[in-house]
Amino acid sequence: MTISSRFAVGIHILTLIEFNQDGVTSSDFLAGSVNTNPALIRKIMAMLKKAGLIEVKPGVAGAKLAKDLTDISLYDVYRAVSVVEENELFSIHDNPNPACPVGQNIQATIEPIFINAQAAMESVLKHVTLADVVQDVATQRQGNH
């Protein structure tokens, strides 16, 4: 199992909107870059809009960032696309055998570890902004030309 790809696609969408400021960033255009269908792009864009990260106008193709690049953290995107609920990144099996000494205690033992691991990951995401991603993409792009 992996974290939903909505997170990576959300970052991709926001980064491409920044790179395509002079063009029309429609769901078809974004879908071509992500290599997926426009319906999925529109669904994720609706989540980003609801979170206040992008602005879109009904009936008008295109989107723009609603905040400065430095004001959008990867954690904001992570929360916007509803990747996981708080403290539920890792699931714990529901029905260990209560007659087993490990089964009796495994959930209480590993749950705090899982919660701490999710908090650590989310802390990293809070310290990386969309500006960092855009800068890295631009740097890599220059190296590929």
Protein backbone atom coordinates (compact mmCIF):
# COMPACT_ATOMS: atom_id res chain seq x y z
CA MET A 1 0.00 0.00 0.00
CA THR A 2 1.12 3.54 -0.67
CA ILE A 3 -0.14 7.02 0.07
CA SER A 4 -2.69 8.04 -2.52
CA SER A 5 -1.15 9.46 -5.69
CA ARG A 6 -3.49 12.45 -5.25
CA PHE A 7 -0.73 14.01 -3.16
CA ALA A 8 1.89 13.80 -5.93
CA VAL A 9 -0.67 14.85 -8.54
CA GLY A 10 -1.68 17.84 -6.41
CA ILE A 11 1.95 18.97 -6.20
CA HIS A 12 2.30 18.41 -9.97
CA ILE A 13 -0.81 20.52 -10.68
CA LEU A 14 0.31 23.42 -8.50
CA THR A 15 3.83 23.38 -9.94
CA LEU A 16 2.56 23.32 -13.52
CA ILE A 17 0.16 26.18 -12.82
CA GLU A 18 3.17 28.23 -11.69
CA PHE A 19 5.24 27.29 -14.75
CA ASN A 20 2.34 28.01 -17.14
CA GLN A 21 1.34 31.45 -15.87
CA ASP A 22 1.28 32.88 -19.39
CA GLY A 23 -0.90 30.07 -20.78
CA VAL A 24 -4.28 28.57 -20.00
CA THR A 25 -3.88 25.85 -17.40
CA SER A 26 -7.00 23.81 -18.19
CA SER A 27 -7.74 20.35 -16.83
CA ASP A 28 -6.95 18.95 -20.30
CA PHE A 29 -3.56 20.67 -20.30
CA LEU A 30 -2.79 19.43 -16.77
CA ALA A 31 -4.00 15.92 -17.60
CA GLY A 32 -1.57 15.82 -20.52
CA SER A 33 1.34 16.59 -18.21
CA VAL A 34 0.25 14.21 -15.46
CA ASN A 35 -0.67 11.60 -18.08
CA THR A 36 -4.10 10.90 -16.64
CA ASN A 37 -7.68 11.81 -17.46
CA PRO A 38 -9.07 15.34 -17.04
CA ALA A 39 -11.84 14.13 -14.71
CA LEU A 40 -9.27 13.09 -12.09
CA ILE A 41 -7.52 16.44 -12.51
CA ARG A 42 -10.80 18.31 -12.00
CA LYS A 43 -11.50 16.28 -8.83
CA ILE A 44 -8.10 17.14 -7.36
CA MET A 45 -8.41 20.77 -8.49
CA ALA A 46 -11.73 20.98 -6.63
CA MET A 47 -9.94 19.80 -3.48
CA LEU A 48 -7.15 22.35 -3.99
CA LYS A 49 -9.73 25.10 -4.54
CA LYS A 50 -11.67 24.12 -1.41
CA ALA A 51 -8.41 24.37 0.57
CA GLY A 52 -7.80 27.87 -0.83
CA LEU A 53 -4.69 26.90 -2.79
CA ILE A 54 -5.99 27.69 -6.30
CA GLU A 55 -8.57 29.92 -7.90
CA VAL A 56 -10.78 28.69 -10.72
CA LYS A 57 -13.76 30.34 -12.35
CA PRO A 58 -16.77 28.28 -13.43
CA GLY A 59 -17.06 28.06 -17.20
CA VAL A 60 -13.60 29.56 -17.72
CA ALA A 61 -10.71 27.26 -18.53
CA GLY A 62 -7.64 27.68 -16.39
CA ALA A 63 -6.52 28.07 -12.84
CA LYS A 64 -4.10 30.21 -10.88
CA LEU A 65 -2.46 29.92 -7.50
CA ALA A 66 -4.43 31.60 -4.73
CA LYS A 67 -1.34 32.13 -2.55
CA ASP A 68 2.30 32.96 -3.00
CA LEU A 69 4.56 29.95 -3.64
CA THR A 70 6.28 30.48 -0.31
CA ASP A 71 2.93 30.35 1.49
CA ILE A 72 1.97 26.88 0.23
CA SER A 73 3.66 24.02 2.06
CA LEU A 74 3.59 20.43 0.91
CA TYR A 75 1.68 19.74 4.13
CA ASP A 76 -1.04 22.12 2.86
CA VAL A 77 -1.30 20.04 -0.31
CA TYR A 78 -1.22 16.78 1.67
CA ARG A 79 -4.15 17.94 3.81
CA ALA A 80 -6.02 19.47 0.85
CA VAL A 81 -6.19 16.23 -1.11
CA SER A 82 -7.32 14.20 1.92
CA VAL A 83 -4.51 11.68 1.74
CA VAL A 84 -5.12 10.34 5.25
CA GLU A 85 -6.90 11.28 8.42
CA GLU A 86 -4.95 12.50 11.42
CA ASN A 87 -2.90 9.70 13.00
CA GLU A 88 -4.15 7.16 10.47
CA LEU A 89 -1.32 6.96 7.95
CA PHE A 90 -0.53 3.46 9.17
CA SER A 91 -3.37 1.05 9.73
CA ILE A 92 -3.23 -1.56 12.42
CA HIS A 93 -4.88 -4.91 11.85
CA ASP A 94 -8.18 -5.02 13.70
CA ASN A 95 -8.48 -8.48 15.12
CA PRO A 96 -5.28 -9.91 16.56
CA ASN A 97 -5.79 -13.06 18.59
CA PRO A 98 -6.50 -12.01 22.21
CA ALA A 99 -5.37 -15.43 23.46
CA CYS A 100 -1.87 -14.75 22.10
CA PRO A 101 0.49 -12.69 24.30
CA VAL A 102 1.65 -10.71 21.26
CA GLY A 103 -1.89 -10.39 19.90
CA GLN A 104 -3.04 -8.97 23.24
CA ASN A 105 -0.44 -6.21 23.23
CA ILE A 106 0.72 -5.48 19.71
CA GLN A 107 -1.75 -2.70 18.94
CA ALA A 108 -0.98 -0.69 22.10
CA THR A 109 2.73 -1.16 21.43
CA ILE A 110 2.94 -0.10 17.79
CA GLU A 111 0.22 2.57 17.65
CA PRO A 112 2.34 5.30 19.37
CA ILE A 113 5.26 4.44 17.07
CA PHE A 114 3.03 4.85 14.02
CA ILE A 115 1.62 8.15 15.32
CA ASN A 116 5.14 9.50 15.91
CA ALA A 117 6.25 8.38 12.44
CA GLN A 118 3.31 10.17 10.80
CA ALA A 119 4.00 13.31 12.84
CA ALA A 120 7.66 13.25 11.73
CA MET A 121 6.70 12.93 8.07
CA GLU A 122 4.14 15.72 8.35
CA SER A 123 6.73 17.93 10.04
CA VAL A 124 9.04 17.51 7.04
CA LEU A 125 6.18 18.42 4.66
CA LYS A 126 5.45 21.58 6.67
CA HIS A 127 8.99 22.82 6.01
CA VAL A 128 8.98 22.36 2.23
CA THR A 129 7.13 24.96 0.19
CA LEU A 130 5.87 24.98 -3.36
CA ALA A 131 8.61 27.56 -4.02
CA ASP A 132 11.17 24.86 -3.13
CA VAL A 133 9.56 22.41 -5.54
CA VAL A 134 9.31 24.95 -8.36
CA GLN A 135 12.95 25.96 -7.87
CA ASP A 136 14.10 22.33 -7.92
CA VAL A 137 12.07 21.55 -11.04
CA ALA A 138 13.52 24.64 -12.76
CA THR A 139 17.05 23.62 -11.78
CA GLN A 140 16.55 20.07 -13.03
CA ARG A 141 14.98 21.39 -16.23
CA GLN A 142 18.04 23.55 -16.92
CA GLY A 143 20.28 20.53 -16.36
CA ASN A 144 18.30 18.53 -18.93
CA HIS A 145 18.79 21.11 -21.70
